[in-house]
């Protein structure tokens, strides 16, 4: 899940500095990840990480 997957179109939602929300099941979880993709711990769907910055991985 380090880099974005162009086959996936949905993006997780930032709630604040530490929390993301799943657009499918509306669950929220703590995440400080800056990787390209994140996985919802409840429904296990993968989403684009809104905090991803490709410059962090160059």
PDB file of N, CA and C in Angstrom:
ATOM      1  N   UNK A   1       0.811  -1.197   0.000  1.00  0.00           N
ATOM      2  CA  UNK A   1       0.000   0.000   0.000  1.00  0.00           C
ATOM      3  C   UNK A   1       0.857   1.266   0.000  1.00  0.00           C
ATOM      4  N   UNK A   2       2.120   1.101  -0.369  1.00  0.00           N
ATOM      5  CA  UNK A   2       3.037   2.241  -0.329  1.00  0.00           C
ATOM      6  C   UNK A   2       2.742   3.279  -1.408  1.00  0.00           C
ATOM      7  N   UNK A   3       2.328   2.799  -2.606  1.00  0.00           N
ATOM      8  CA  UNK A   3       2.104   3.706  -3.727  1.00  0.00           C
ATOM      9  C   UNK A   3       0.645   3.654  -4.180  1.00  0.00           C
ATOM     10  N   UNK A   4       0.137   4.724  -4.796  1.00  0.00           N
ATOM     11  CA  UNK A   4      -1.257   4.757  -5.260  1.00  0.00           C
ATOM     12  C   UNK A   4      -1.551   3.672  -6.295  1.00  0.00           C
ATOM     13  N   UNK A   5      -2.776   3.174  -6.287  1.00  0.00           N
ATOM     14  CA  UNK A   5      -3.255   2.178  -7.239  1.00  0.00           C
ATOM     15  C   UNK A   5      -4.302   2.858  -8.118  1.00  0.00           C
ATOM     16  N   UNK A   6      -3.999   3.019  -9.393  1.00  0.00           N
ATOM     17  CA  UNK A   6      -4.907   3.720 -10.305  1.00  0.00           C
ATOM     18  C   UNK A   6      -6.207   2.974 -10.566  1.00  0.00           C
ATOM     19  N   UNK A   7      -6.280   1.695 -10.194  1.00  0.00           N
ATOM     20  CA  UNK A   7      -7.511   0.926 -10.363  1.00  0.00           C
ATOM     21  C   UNK A   7      -8.547   1.307  -9.296  1.00  0.00           C
ATOM     22  N   UNK A   8      -8.097   1.909  -8.221  1.00  0.00           N
ATOM     23  CA  UNK A   8      -8.986   2.336  -7.142  1.00  0.00           C
ATOM     24  C   UNK A   8      -9.264   3.822  -7.314  1.00  0.00           C
ATOM     25  N   UNK A   9     -10.525   4.195  -7.231  1.00  0.00           N
ATOM     26  CA  UNK A   9     -10.892   5.593  -7.483  1.00  0.00           C
ATOM     27  C   UNK A   9     -11.238   6.375  -6.224  1.00  0.00           C
ATOM     28  N   UNK A  10     -11.631   5.697  -5.152  1.00  0.00           N
ATOM     29  CA  UNK A  10     -12.084   6.409  -3.958  1.00  0.00           C
ATOM     30  C   UNK A  10     -10.933   6.785  -3.036  1.00  0.00           C
ATOM     31  N   UNK A  11     -11.154   7.859  -2.280  1.00  0.00           N
ATOM     32  CA  UNK A  11     -10.151   8.369  -1.355  1.00  0.00           C
ATOM     33  C   UNK A  11     -10.751   8.432   0.045  1.00  0.00           C
ATOM     34  N   UNK A  12      -9.953   8.070   1.049  1.00  0.00           N
ATOM     35  CA  UNK A  12     -10.383   8.238   2.435  1.00  0.00           C
ATOM     36  C   UNK A  12     -10.519   9.728   2.728  1.00  0.00           C
ATOM     37  N   UNK A  13     -11.280  10.044   3.759  1.00  0.00           N
ATOM     38  CA  UNK A  13     -11.522  11.434   4.136  1.00  0.00           C
ATOM     39  C   UNK A  13     -10.727  11.779   5.390  1.00  0.00           C
ATOM     40  N   UNK A  14     -10.070  12.942   5.372  1.00  0.00           N
ATOM     41  CA  UNK A  14      -9.363  13.412   6.569  1.00  0.00           C
ATOM     42  C   UNK A  14     -10.387  14.021   7.526  1.00  0.00           C
ATOM     43  N   UNK A  15     -10.370  13.550   8.773  1.00  0.00           N
ATOM     44  CA  UNK A  15     -11.237  14.141   9.798  1.00  0.00           C
ATOM     45  C   UNK A  15     -10.474  15.164  10.637  1.00  0.00           C
ATOM     46  N   UNK A  16      -9.219  14.861  10.947  1.00  0.00           N
ATOM     47  CA  UNK A  16      -8.324  15.805  11.613  1.00  0.00           C
ATOM     48  C   UNK A  16      -6.895  15.304  11.440  1.00  0.00           C
ATOM     49  N   UNK A  17      -5.962  15.776  12.241  1.00  0.00           N
ATOM     50  CA  UNK A  17      -4.549  15.416  12.067  1.00  0.00           C
ATOM     51  C   UNK A  17      -4.268  13.926  12.210  1.00  0.00           C
ATOM     52  N   UNK A  18      -5.079  13.216  12.975  1.00  0.00           N
ATOM     53  CA  UNK A  18      -4.811  11.805  13.258  1.00  0.00           C
ATOM     54  C   UNK A  18      -5.853  10.835  12.719  1.00  0.00           C
ATOM     55  N   UNK A  19      -6.983  11.309  12.241  1.00  0.00           N
ATOM     56  CA  UNK A  19      -8.092  10.422  11.904  1.00  0.00           C
ATOM     57  C   UNK A  19      -8.479  10.488  10.434  1.00  0.00           C
ATOM     58  N   UNK A  20      -8.787   9.290   9.887  1.00  0.00           N
ATOM     59  CA  UNK A  20      -9.324   9.159   8.532  1.00  0.00           C
ATOM     60  C   UNK A  20     -10.691   8.488   8.626  1.00  0.00           C
ATOM     61  N   UNK A  21     -11.527   8.695   7.613  1.00  0.00           N
ATOM     62  CA  UNK A  21     -12.843   8.061   7.573  1.00  0.00           C
ATOM     63  C   UNK A  21     -13.019   7.316   6.259  1.00  0.00           C
ATOM     64  N   UNK A  22     -13.599   6.133   6.355  1.00  0.00           N
ATOM     65  CA  UNK A  22     -13.876   5.289   5.197  1.00  0.00           C
ATOM     66  C   UNK A  22     -15.111   5.808   4.463  1.00  0.00           C
ATOM     67  N   UNK A  23     -15.028   5.994   3.140  1.00  0.00           N
ATOM     68  CA  UNK A  23     -16.193   6.453   2.385  1.00  0.00           C
ATOM     69  C   UNK A  23     -17.240   5.362   2.143  1.00  0.00           C
ATOM     70  N   UNK A  24     -16.905   4.107   2.446  1.00  0.00           N
ATOM     71  CA  UNK A  24     -17.840   2.998   2.221  1.00  0.00           C
ATOM     72  C   UNK A  24     -18.646   2.680   3.477  1.00  0.00           C
ATOM     73  N   UNK A  25     -17.946   2.385   4.584  1.00  0.00           N
ATOM     74  CA  UNK A  25     -18.653   1.975   5.804  1.00  0.00           C
ATOM     75  C   UNK A  25     -18.733   3.095   6.841  1.00  0.00           C
ATOM     76  N   UNK A  26     -18.130   4.228   6.553  1.00  0.00           N
ATOM     77  CA  UNK A  26     -18.155   5.421   7.407  1.00  0.00           C
ATOM     78  C   UNK A  26     -17.450   5.189   8.750  1.00  0.00           C
ATOM     79  N   UNK A  27     -16.644   4.150   8.857  1.00  0.00           N
ATOM     80  CA  UNK A  27     -15.845   3.936  10.061  1.00  0.00           C
ATOM     81  C   UNK A  27     -14.690   4.934  10.057  1.00  0.00           C
ATOM     82  N   UNK A  28     -14.230   5.333  11.234  1.00  0.00           N
ATOM     83  CA  UNK A  28     -13.076   6.224  11.354  1.00  0.00           C
ATOM     84  C   UNK A  28     -11.972   5.490  12.105  1.00  0.00           C
ATOM     85  N   UNK A  29     -10.730   5.788  11.737  1.00  0.00           N
ATOM     86  CA  UNK A  29      -9.594   5.161  12.409  1.00  0.00           C
ATOM     87  C   UNK A  29      -8.427   6.131  12.466  1.00  0.00           C
ATOM     88  N   UNK A  30      -7.556   5.904  13.466  1.00  0.00           N
ATOM     89  CA  UNK A  30      -6.362   6.729  13.598  1.00  0.00           C
ATOM     90  C   UNK A  30      -5.330   6.276  12.592  1.00  0.00           C
ATOM     91  N   UNK A  31      -4.749   7.241  11.894  1.00  0.00           N
ATOM     92  CA  UNK A  31      -3.710   6.935  10.914  1.00  0.00           C
ATOM     93  C   UNK A  31      -2.863   8.173  10.678  1.00  0.00           C
ATOM     94  N   UNK A  32      -1.557   7.995  10.819  1.00  0.00           N
ATOM     95  CA  UNK A  32      -0.611   9.058  10.477  1.00  0.00           C
ATOM     96  C   UNK A  32       0.172   8.665   9.230  1.00  0.00           C
ATOM     97  N   UNK A  33      -0.288   7.631   8.552  1.00  0.00           N
ATOM     98  CA  UNK A  33       0.380   7.127   7.354  1.00  0.00           C
ATOM     99  C   UNK A  33       0.406   8.180   6.256  1.00  0.00           C
ATOM    100  N   UNK A  34       1.524   8.231   5.543  1.00  0.00           N
ATOM    101  CA  UNK A  34       1.628   9.090   4.360  1.00  0.00           C
ATOM    102  C   UNK A  34       1.833   8.236   3.108  1.00  0.00           C
ATOM    103  N   UNK A  35       1.616   6.914   3.241  1.00  0.00           N
ATOM    104  CA  UNK A  35       1.733   6.001   2.102  1.00  0.00           C
ATOM    105  C   UNK A  35       0.628   6.304   1.087  1.00  0.00           C
ATOM    106  N   UNK A  36       0.770   5.790  -0.100  1.00  0.00           N
ATOM    107  CA  UNK A  36      -0.162   6.064  -1.185  1.00  0.00           C
ATOM    108  C   UNK A  36      -1.569   5.551  -0.959  1.00  0.00           C
ATOM    109  N   UNK A  37      -1.698   4.445  -0.243  1.00  0.00           N
ATOM    110  CA  UNK A  37      -3.001   3.836  -0.016  1.00  0.00           C
ATOM    111  C   UNK A  37      -3.161   3.526   1.470  1.00  0.00           C
ATOM    112  N   UNK A  38      -4.404   3.511   1.923  1.00  0.00           N
ATOM    113  CA  UNK A  38      -4.729   3.089   3.282  1.00  0.00           C
ATOM    114  C   UNK A  38      -5.841   2.055   3.195  1.00  0.00           C
ATOM    115  N   UNK A  39      -5.933   1.215   4.218  1.00  0.00           N
ATOM    116  CA  UNK A  39      -6.974   0.191   4.268  1.00  0.00           C
ATOM    117  C   UNK A  39      -7.857   0.431   5.476  1.00  0.00           C
ATOM    118  N   UNK A  40      -9.146   0.424   5.251  1.00  0.00           N
ATOM    119  CA  UNK A  40     -10.096   0.563   6.351  1.00  0.00           C
ATOM    120  C   UNK A  40     -10.005  -0.685   7.230  1.00  0.00           C
ATOM    121  N   UNK A  41      -9.797  -0.519   8.540  1.00  0.00           N
ATOM    122  CA  UNK A  41      -9.692  -1.689   9.416  1.00  0.00           C
ATOM    123  C   UNK A  41     -11.014  -2.430   9.607  1.00  0.00           C
ATOM    124  N   UNK A  42     -12.138  -1.789   9.312  1.00  0.00           N
ATOM    125  CA  UNK A  42     -13.442  -2.439   9.495  1.00  0.00           C
ATOM    126  C   UNK A  42     -13.866  -3.224   8.259  1.00  0.00           C
ATOM    127  N   UNK A  43     -13.938  -2.563   7.093  1.00  0.00           N
ATOM    128  CA  UNK A  43     -14.443  -3.242   5.889  1.00  0.00           C
ATOM    129  C   UNK A  43     -13.323  -3.774   4.989  1.00  0.00           C
ATOM    130  N   UNK A  44     -12.078  -3.426   5.303  1.00  0.00           N
ATOM    131  CA  UNK A  44     -10.882  -3.918   4.593  1.00  0.00           C
ATOM    132  C   UNK A  44     -10.755  -3.403   3.159  1.00  0.00           C
ATOM    133  N   UNK A  45     -11.543  -2.405   2.769  1.00  0.00           N
ATOM    134  CA  UNK A  45     -11.375  -1.795   1.450  1.00  0.00           C
ATOM    135  C   UNK A  45     -10.158  -0.878   1.468  1.00  0.00           C
ATOM    136  N   UNK A  46      -9.489  -0.775   0.332  1.00  0.00           N
ATOM    137  CA  UNK A  46      -8.334   0.111   0.197  1.00  0.00           C
ATOM    138  C   UNK A  46      -8.764   1.402  -0.492  1.00  0.00           C
ATOM    139  N   UNK A  47      -8.143   2.501  -0.075  1.00  0.00           N
ATOM    140  CA  UNK A  47      -8.469   3.817  -0.610  1.00  0.00           C
ATOM    141  C   UNK A  47      -7.200   4.630  -0.792  1.00  0.00           C
ATOM    142  N   UNK A  48      -7.280   5.634  -1.646  1.00  0.00           N
ATOM    143  CA  UNK A  48      -6.177   6.573  -1.764  1.00  0.00           C
ATOM    144  C   UNK A  48      -6.063   7.334  -0.448  1.00  0.00           C
ATOM    145  N   UNK A  49      -4.829   7.547  -0.033  1.00  0.00           N
ATOM    146  CA  UNK A  49      -4.568   8.264   1.204  1.00  0.00           C
ATOM    147  C   UNK A  49      -4.533   9.761   0.908  1.00  0.00           C
ATOM    148  N   UNK A  50      -5.412  10.548   1.514  1.00  0.00           N
ATOM    149  CA  UNK A  50      -5.409  11.988   1.241  1.00  0.00           C
ATOM    150  C   UNK A  50      -4.152  12.691   1.748  1.00  0.00           C
ATOM    151  N   UNK A  51      -3.369  12.024   2.589  1.00  0.00           N
ATOM    152  CA  UNK A  51      -2.116  12.603   3.100  1.00  0.00           C
ATOM    153  C   UNK A  51      -0.903  12.211   2.260  1.00  0.00           C
ATOM    154  N   UNK A  52      -1.118  11.414   1.230  1.00  0.00           N
ATOM    155  CA  UNK A  52       0.000  10.942   0.404  1.00  0.00           C
ATOM    156  C   UNK A  52       0.679  12.103  -0.299  1.00  0.00           C
ATOM    157  N   UNK A  53       1.991  12.060  -0.275  1.00  0.00           N
ATOM    158  CA  UNK A  53       2.807  13.033  -0.993  1.00  0.00           C
ATOM    159  C   UNK A  53       3.944  12.248  -1.626  1.00  0.00           C
ATOM    160  N   UNK A  54       3.913  12.104  -2.948  1.00  0.00           N
ATOM    161  CA  UNK A  54       4.912  11.270  -3.626  1.00  0.00           C
ATOM    162  C   UNK A  54       6.333  11.745  -3.365  1.00  0.00           C
ATOM    163  N   UNK A  55       6.530  13.002  -3.028  1.00  0.00           N
ATOM    164  CA  UNK A  55       7.873  13.513  -2.749  1.00  0.00           C
ATOM    165  C   UNK A  55       8.472  12.864  -1.506  1.00  0.00           C
ATOM    166  N   UNK A  56       7.628  12.383  -0.589  1.00  0.00           N
ATOM    167  CA  UNK A  56       8.114  11.707   0.615  1.00  0.00           C
ATOM    168  C   UNK A  56       8.803  10.393   0.276  1.00  0.00           C
ATOM    169  N   UNK A  57       8.499   9.812  -0.877  1.00  0.00           N
ATOM    170  CA  UNK A  57       9.013   8.500  -1.246  1.00  0.00           C
ATOM    171  C   UNK A  57      10.097   8.566  -2.310  1.00  0.00           C
ATOM    172  N   UNK A  58      10.530   9.754  -2.700  1.00  0.00           N
ATOM    173  CA  UNK A  58      11.585   9.894  -3.714  1.00  0.00           C
ATOM    174  C   UNK A  58      12.951   9.931  -3.073  1.00  0.00           C
TER     175      UNK A  58
END
